[in-house]
C-alpha atoms as a PDB file:
ATOM      1  CA  MET A   1       0.533   0.228  -0.065  1.00  0.00           C
ATOM      2  CA  GLN A   2       1.197   3.510  -0.976  1.00  0.00           C
ATOM      3  CA  VAL A   3       1.564   6.340   1.502  1.00  0.00           C
ATOM      4  CA  PHE A   4       1.218   9.538  -0.202  1.00  0.00           C
ATOM      5  CA  CYS A   5       0.710  12.851   2.431  1.00  0.00           C
ATOM      6  CA  GLY A   6       0.472  10.549   5.535  1.00  0.00           C
ATOM      7  CA  LEU A   7      -3.332   8.690   4.068  1.00  0.00           C
ATOM      8  CA  LYS A   8      -2.747   5.072   3.812  1.00  0.00           C
ATOM      9  CA  GLY A   9      -4.162   3.695   0.677  1.00  0.00           C
ATOM     10  CA  SER A  10      -6.006   6.924  -0.247  1.00  0.00           C
ATOM     11  CA  GLY A  11      -7.978   7.902  -3.383  1.00  0.00           C
ATOM     12  CA  ARG A  12      -5.243  10.750  -3.477  1.00  0.00           C
ATOM     13  CA  SER A  13      -2.415   8.893  -3.449  1.00  0.00           C
ATOM     14  CA  ARG A  14      -3.784   6.169  -6.118  1.00  0.00           C
ATOM     15  CA  ARG A  15      -4.178   9.381  -8.203  1.00  0.00           C
ATOM     16  CA  ALA A  16      -0.570  10.430  -7.456  1.00  0.00           C
ATOM     17  CA  ALA A  17       0.761   7.240  -8.433  1.00  0.00           C
ATOM     18  CA  ARG A  18      -1.720   7.146 -11.668  1.00  0.00           C
ATOM     19  CA  THR A  19      -0.237  11.384 -12.299  1.00  0.00           C
ATOM     20  CA  GLY A  20       3.665  10.487 -11.386  1.00  0.00           C
ATOM     21  CA  ARG A  21       3.123   6.855 -14.007  1.00  0.00           C
ATOM     22  CA  LEU A  22       1.574   9.369 -16.811  1.00  0.00           C
ATOM     23  CA  ILE A  23       4.222  11.979 -16.528  1.00  0.00           C
ATOM     24  CA  TRP A  24       6.680   9.205 -17.220  1.00  0.00           C
ATOM     25  CA  ARG A  25       4.788   7.927 -20.019  1.00  0.00           C
ATOM     26  CA  ILE A  26       4.678  11.195 -21.687  1.00  0.00           C
ATOM     27  CA  VAL A  27       8.312  11.690 -21.427  1.00  0.00           C
ATOM     28  CA  ILE A  28       8.880   8.733 -23.189  1.00  0.00           C
ATOM     29  CA  MET A  29       6.414   9.284 -25.536  1.00  0.00           C
ATOM     30  CA  ARG A  30       8.322  13.356 -25.989  1.00  0.00           C
ATOM     31  CA  ARG A  31      11.057  10.599 -26.766  1.00  0.00           C
ATOM     32  CA  THR A  32       9.788   8.707 -29.742  1.00  0.00           C
ATOM     33  CA  LEU A  33       7.017  10.888 -30.806  1.00  0.00           C
ATOM     34  CA  GLY A  34       8.350  14.332 -31.201  1.00  0.00           C
ATOM     35  CA  ILE A  35       7.916  17.520 -29.097  1.00  0.00           C
ATOM     36  CA  PHE A  36       4.351  17.770 -30.713  1.00  0.00           C
ATOM     37  CA  GLU A  37       2.573  14.681 -29.046  1.00  0.00           C
ATOM     38  CA  ALA A  38       3.788  15.142 -26.392  1.00  0.00           C
ATOM     39  CA  VAL A  39       2.498  18.841 -25.626  1.00  0.00           C
ATOM     40  CA  ARG A  40      -0.914  17.539 -26.472  1.00  0.00           C
ATOM     41  CA  ALA A  41      -0.296  14.955 -23.977  1.00  0.00           C
ATOM     42  CA  ALA A  42       1.165  16.848 -21.000  1.00  0.00           C
ATOM     43  CA  SER A  43      -2.441  19.731 -21.732  1.00  0.00           C
ATOM     44  CA  THR A  44      -4.339  16.430 -21.547  1.00  0.00           C
ATOM     45  CA  LEU A  45      -2.973  15.445 -17.898  1.00  0.00           C
ATOM     46  CA  LEU A  46      -3.512  19.101 -17.267  1.00  0.00           C
ATOM     47  CA  ILE A  47      -7.196  18.878 -17.929  1.00  0.00           C
ATOM     48  CA  VAL A  48      -7.633  15.231 -16.269  1.00  0.00           C
ATOM     49  CA  GLN A  49      -5.670  17.027 -13.388  1.00  0.00           C
ATOM     50  CA  VAL A  50      -8.282  19.843 -13.126  1.00  0.00           C
ATOM     51  CA  MET A  51     -11.222  17.476 -13.323  1.00  0.00           C
ATOM     52  CA  LEU A  52      -9.593  15.504 -10.640  1.00  0.00           C
ATOM     53  CA  VAL A  53      -9.333  18.820  -8.434  1.00  0.00           C
ATOM     54  CA  GLY A  54     -13.114  20.587  -8.950  1.00  0.00           C
ATOM     55  CA  SER A  55     -14.509  16.883  -8.177  1.00  0.00           C
ATOM     56  CA  THR A  56     -12.846  16.714  -4.711  1.00  0.00           C
ATOM     57  CA  ALA A  57     -12.988  20.084  -3.944  1.00  0.00           C
ATOM     58  CA  ILE A  58     -17.126  19.328  -4.721  1.00  0.00           C
ATOM     59  CA  GLN A  59     -17.402  16.060  -2.395  1.00  0.00           C
ATOM     60  CA  ALA A  60     -16.169  18.389   0.234  1.00  0.00           C
ATOM     61  CA  ALA A  61     -18.969  19.263   2.674  1.00  0.00           C
ATOM     62  CA  PRO A  62     -19.217  21.988   4.601  1.00  0.00           C
ATOM     63  CA  ARG A  63     -19.074  21.969   8.440  1.00  0.00           C
ATOM     64  CA  LEU A  64     -21.770  22.736  10.247  1.00  0.00           C
ATOM     65  CA  PRO A  65     -21.484  24.843  13.162  1.00  0.00           C
ATOM     66  CA  THR A  66     -22.193  23.563  16.394  1.00  0.00           C
ATOM     67  CA  ALA A  67     -23.917  25.263  19.660  1.00  0.00           C
ATOM     68  CA  ALA A  68     -20.608  24.766  21.477  1.00  0.00           C
ATOM     69  CA  GLY A  69     -19.540  28.049  22.603  1.00  0.00           C
ATOM     70  CA  VAL A  70     -20.284  31.025  24.761  1.00  0.00           C
ATOM     71  CA  TRP A  71     -24.274  32.289  24.402  1.00  0.00           C
ATOM     72  CA  LYS A  72     -25.885  35.624  25.529  1.00  0.00           C
ATOM     73  CA  GLN A  73     -28.865  34.387  27.782  1.00  0.00           C
ATOM     74  CA  VAL A  74     -31.399  36.337  26.253  1.00  0.00           C
ATOM     75  CA  ASP A  75     -34.960  36.656  28.129  1.00  0.00           C
ATOM     76  CA  GLU A  76     -38.438  37.660  26.196  1.00  0.00           C
ATOM     77  CA  SER A  77     -37.811  41.657  27.213  1.00  0.00           C
ATOM     78  CA  GLY A  78     -34.842  42.018  25.736  1.00  0.00           C
ATOM     79  CA  LYS A  79     -32.564  42.117  29.180  1.00  0.00           C
ATOM     80  CA  VAL A  80     -29.058  39.966  28.627  1.00  0.00           C
ATOM     81  CA  GLY A  81     -29.783  37.287  32.042  1.00  0.00           C
ATOM     82  CA  ALA A  82     -26.542  35.763  31.829  1.00  0.00           C
ATOM     83  CA  LEU A  83     -23.761  34.169  29.954  1.00  0.00           C
ATOM     84  CA  VAL A  84     -23.656  30.268  29.334  1.00  0.00           C
ATOM     85  CA  THR A  85     -20.896  27.960  28.442  1.00  0.00           C
ATOM     86  CA  ILE A  86     -22.247  25.524  26.047  1.00  0.00           C
ATOM     87  CA  THR A  87     -19.672  22.131  25.532  1.00  0.00           C
ATOM     88  CA  GLN A  88     -20.582  18.825  23.714  1.00  0.00           C
ATOM     89  CA  GLU A  89     -19.035  16.469  26.479  1.00  0.00           C
ATOM     90  CA  GLY A  90     -18.759  12.859  24.896  1.00  0.00           C
ATOM     91  CA  ASP A  91     -22.095  12.843  22.912  1.00  0.00           C
ATOM     92  CA  VAL A  92     -24.284  15.267  24.018  1.00  0.00           C
ATOM     93  CA  PHE A  93     -23.824  18.879  24.707  1.00  0.00           C
ATOM     94  CA  VAL A  94     -23.976  20.053  28.278  1.00  0.00           C
ATOM     95  CA  GLY A  95     -24.435  23.967  28.974  1.00  0.00           C
ATOM     96  CA  ARG A  96     -23.471  25.776  32.474  1.00  0.00           C
ATOM     97  CA  LEU A  97     -24.278  29.372  33.672  1.00  0.00           C
ATOM     98  CA  SER A  98     -20.823  31.208  32.844  1.00  0.00           C
ATOM     99  CA  ARG A  99     -21.929  34.502  33.791  1.00  0.00           C
ATOM    100  CA  LEU A 100     -24.768  36.457  35.911  1.00  0.00           C
ATOM    101  CA  PHE A 101     -25.458  39.525  35.029  1.00  0.00           C
ATOM    102  CA  LEU A 102     -27.537  40.266  38.424  1.00  0.00           C
ATOM    103  CA  GLU A 103     -29.897  43.980  39.097  1.00  0.00           C
ATOM    104  CA  PRO A 104     -28.371  45.935  42.238  1.00  0.00           C
ATOM    105  CA  GLY A 105     -29.652  44.712  45.564  1.00  0.00           C
ATOM    106  CA  ASP A 106     -28.923  41.206  44.269  1.00  0.00           C
ATOM    107  CA  ASP A 107     -27.782  38.936  45.963  1.00  0.00           C
ATOM    108  CA  PRO A 108     -23.655  38.876  44.585  1.00  0.00           C
ATOM    109  CA  ASN A 109     -23.815  34.534  44.951  1.00  0.00           C
ATOM    110  CA  PRO A 110     -26.949  33.046  44.470  1.00  0.00           C
ATOM    111  CA  VAL A 111     -27.424  29.644  44.721  1.00  0.00           C
ATOM    112  CA  CYS A 112     -29.957  27.620  42.796  1.00  0.00           C
ATOM    113  CA  GLU A 113     -32.208  26.893  46.778  1.00  0.00           C
ATOM    114  CA  ASN A 114     -35.417  25.024  44.787  1.00  0.00           C
ATOM    115  CA  CYS A 115     -33.282  23.267  42.655  1.00  0.00           C
ATOM    116  CA  PRO A 116     -33.779  19.343  43.149  1.00  0.00           C
ATOM    117  CA  GLY A 117     -30.840  16.492  44.228  1.00  0.00           C
ATOM    118  CA  ASP A 118     -27.198  17.240  44.508  1.00  0.00           C
ATOM    119  CA  LYS A 119     -28.291  20.442  42.665  1.00  0.00           C
ATOM    120  CA  HIS A 120     -29.402  22.342  45.068  1.00  0.00           C
ATOM    121  CA  ASN A 121     -27.755  24.740  47.631  1.00  0.00           C
ATOM    122  CA  ARG A 122     -25.224  24.584  44.720  1.00  0.00           C
ATOM    123  CA  PRO A 123     -23.896  28.430  43.231  1.00  0.00           C
ATOM    124  CA  VAL A 124     -25.763  29.469  40.666  1.00  0.00           C
ATOM    125  CA  LEU A 125     -22.674  30.327  38.945  1.00  0.00           C
ATOM    126  CA  GLY A 126     -21.385  27.772  37.476  1.00  0.00           C
ATOM    127  CA  LEU A 127     -24.385  25.158  37.295  1.00  0.00           C
ATOM    128  CA  VAL A 128     -24.937  22.746  34.822  1.00  0.00           C
ATOM    129  CA  PHE A 129     -28.434  23.516  33.442  1.00  0.00           C
ATOM    130  CA  ILE A 130     -29.049  21.948  30.119  1.00  0.00           C
ATOM    131  CA  GLU A 131     -27.776  18.594  30.173  1.00  0.00           C
ATOM    132  CA  GLY A 132     -27.874  15.904  27.663  1.00  0.00           C
ATOM    133  CA  MET A 133     -27.978  17.616  24.770  1.00  0.00           C
ATOM    134  CA  LYS A 134     -28.283  15.317  20.963  1.00  0.00           C
ATOM    135  CA  GLN A 135     -26.834  16.883  17.995  1.00  0.00           C
ATOM    136  CA  PHE A 136     -28.874  15.979  14.781  1.00  0.00           C
ATOM    137  CA  GLY A 137     -27.092  18.500  11.809  1.00  0.00           C
ATOM    138  CA  LEU A 138     -28.948  22.418  13.337  1.00  0.00           C
ATOM    139  CA  ASP A 139     -31.415  20.945  15.921  1.00  0.00           C
ATOM    140  CA  TYR A 140     -30.177  19.370  19.229  1.00  0.00           C
ATOM    141  CA  ASN A 141     -33.220  16.816  20.892  1.00  0.00           C
ATOM    142  CA  GLY A 142     -33.454  14.557  23.945  1.00  0.00           C
ATOM    143  CA  GLY A 143     -32.116  17.289  26.866  1.00  0.00           C
ATOM    144  CA  THR A 144     -33.686  18.937  29.998  1.00  0.00           C
ATOM    145  CA  VAL A 145     -32.992  22.357  30.963  1.00  0.00           C
ATOM    146  CA  LEU A 146     -33.283  22.883  34.320  1.00  0.00           C
ATOM    147  CA  ASP A 147     -34.805  26.557  35.496  1.00  0.00           C
ATOM    148  CA  PRO A 148     -32.782  27.928  38.725  1.00  0.00           C
ATOM    149  CA  ASP A 149     -35.129  29.442  39.927  1.00  0.00           C
ATOM    150  CA  THR A 150     -38.140  27.631  40.345  1.00  0.00           C
ATOM    151  CA  GLY A 151     -36.049  24.155  40.499  1.00  0.00           C
ATOM    152  CA  LYS A 152     -37.880  22.711  37.972  1.00  0.00           C
ATOM    153  CA  THR A 153     -37.210  20.587  34.840  1.00  0.00           C
ATOM    154  CA  TYR A 154     -37.929  20.695  31.763  1.00  0.00           C
ATOM    155  CA  ASN A 155     -37.660  19.178  28.487  1.00  0.00           C
ATOM    156  CA  ALA A 156     -35.936  20.766  25.506  1.00  0.00           C
ATOM    157  CA  LYS A 157     -34.592  21.015  22.953  1.00  0.00           C
ATOM    158  CA  MET A 158     -32.226  23.477  20.811  1.00  0.00           C
ATOM    159  CA  SER A 159     -32.320  25.247  16.771  1.00  0.00           C
ATOM    160  CA  LEU A 160     -28.978  26.631  15.779  1.00  0.00           C
ATOM    161  CA  SER A 161     -29.310  28.736  12.742  1.00  0.00           C
ATOM    162  CA  PRO A 162     -26.919  28.215   9.851  1.00  0.00           C
ATOM    163  CA  ASP A 163     -24.854  30.613   9.770  1.00  0.00           C
ATOM    164  CA  GLY A 164     -23.968  29.305  14.109  1.00  0.00           C
ATOM    165  CA  LYS A 165     -24.649  33.081  15.263  1.00  0.00           C
ATOM    166  CA  LYS A 166     -28.211  32.222  16.849  1.00  0.00           C
ATOM    167  CA  LEU A 167     -29.371  29.221  19.281  1.00  0.00           C
ATOM    168  CA  THR A 168     -33.135  28.986  19.887  1.00  0.00           C
ATOM    169  CA  VAL A 169     -33.445  27.083  23.015  1.00  0.00           C
ATOM    170  CA  ARG A 170     -36.886  25.345  24.513  1.00  0.00           C
ATOM    171  CA  GLY A 171     -38.292  24.104  27.175  1.00  0.00           C
ATOM    172  CA  TYR A 172     -41.256  22.500  27.207  1.00  0.00           C
ATOM    173  CA  LEU A 173     -43.515  20.292  29.366  1.00  0.00           C
ATOM    174  CA  GLY A 174     -44.756  17.059  27.428  1.00  0.00           C
ATOM    175  CA  LEU A 175     -45.372  18.220  24.269  1.00  0.00           C
ATOM    176  CA  SER A 176     -43.234  20.879  22.455  1.00  0.00           C
ATOM    177  CA  VAL A 177     -46.287  23.120  21.571  1.00  0.00           C
ATOM    178  CA  PHE A 178     -46.068  23.632  25.592  1.00  0.00           C
ATOM    179  CA  GLY A 179     -43.351  25.874  26.594  1.00  0.00           C
ATOM    180  CA  ARG A 180     -42.064  28.851  25.495  1.00  0.00           C
ATOM    181  CA  SER A 181     -38.576  29.321  23.336  1.00  0.00           C
ATOM    182  CA  GLN A 182     -35.476  32.270  24.429  1.00  0.00           C
ATOM    183  CA  THR A 183     -33.214  32.804  20.834  1.00  0.00           C
ATOM    184  CA  TRP A 184     -29.522  33.447  22.434  1.00  0.00           C
ATOM    185  CA  THR A 185     -27.061  35.404  20.354  1.00  0.00           C
ATOM    186  CA  ARG A 186     -23.522  33.790  20.035  1.00  0.00           C
ATOM    187  CA  ALA A 187     -21.070  36.288  22.297  1.00  0.00           C
ATOM    188  CA  GLU A 188     -18.205  37.836  19.893  1.00  0.00           C
END
């Protein structure tokens, strides 16, 4: 098996080997046929190379953006309440509150007093409140979202815009129609 550019047995290595053999044949043809035929064969080789490169570029699919990153959590009134950091952990995405924008007079270190289980009385800053989101293209399903104010957990889904700059997060009970959505913007 040949190795080319670190890719064993790839289509590139086979094409490179074929191209090398073709060039060698052109050199031999120049000696036997003359310069005119060799130039014509070389131009044919150039056309074949351009077609191979073009087909490779067409086959390469554009990479989809992911929800991983830092997002501005914006409520229905347009106020930024927090920065949320979404990361991929294995095959699921999770979201943590990474910065809070508190009102004057609010507790500077709030805890999740109403949260269930191991999240009870944990600091809200750093709290994992989005869990288990599985990616399907630009959509994320199968997860949950925790409301730190009430301690209630809802089914959740997210949808990423094609440009990767807006994330719509929807929390719901039972059916998706019985819920509410927020659209977050990616922090620059």
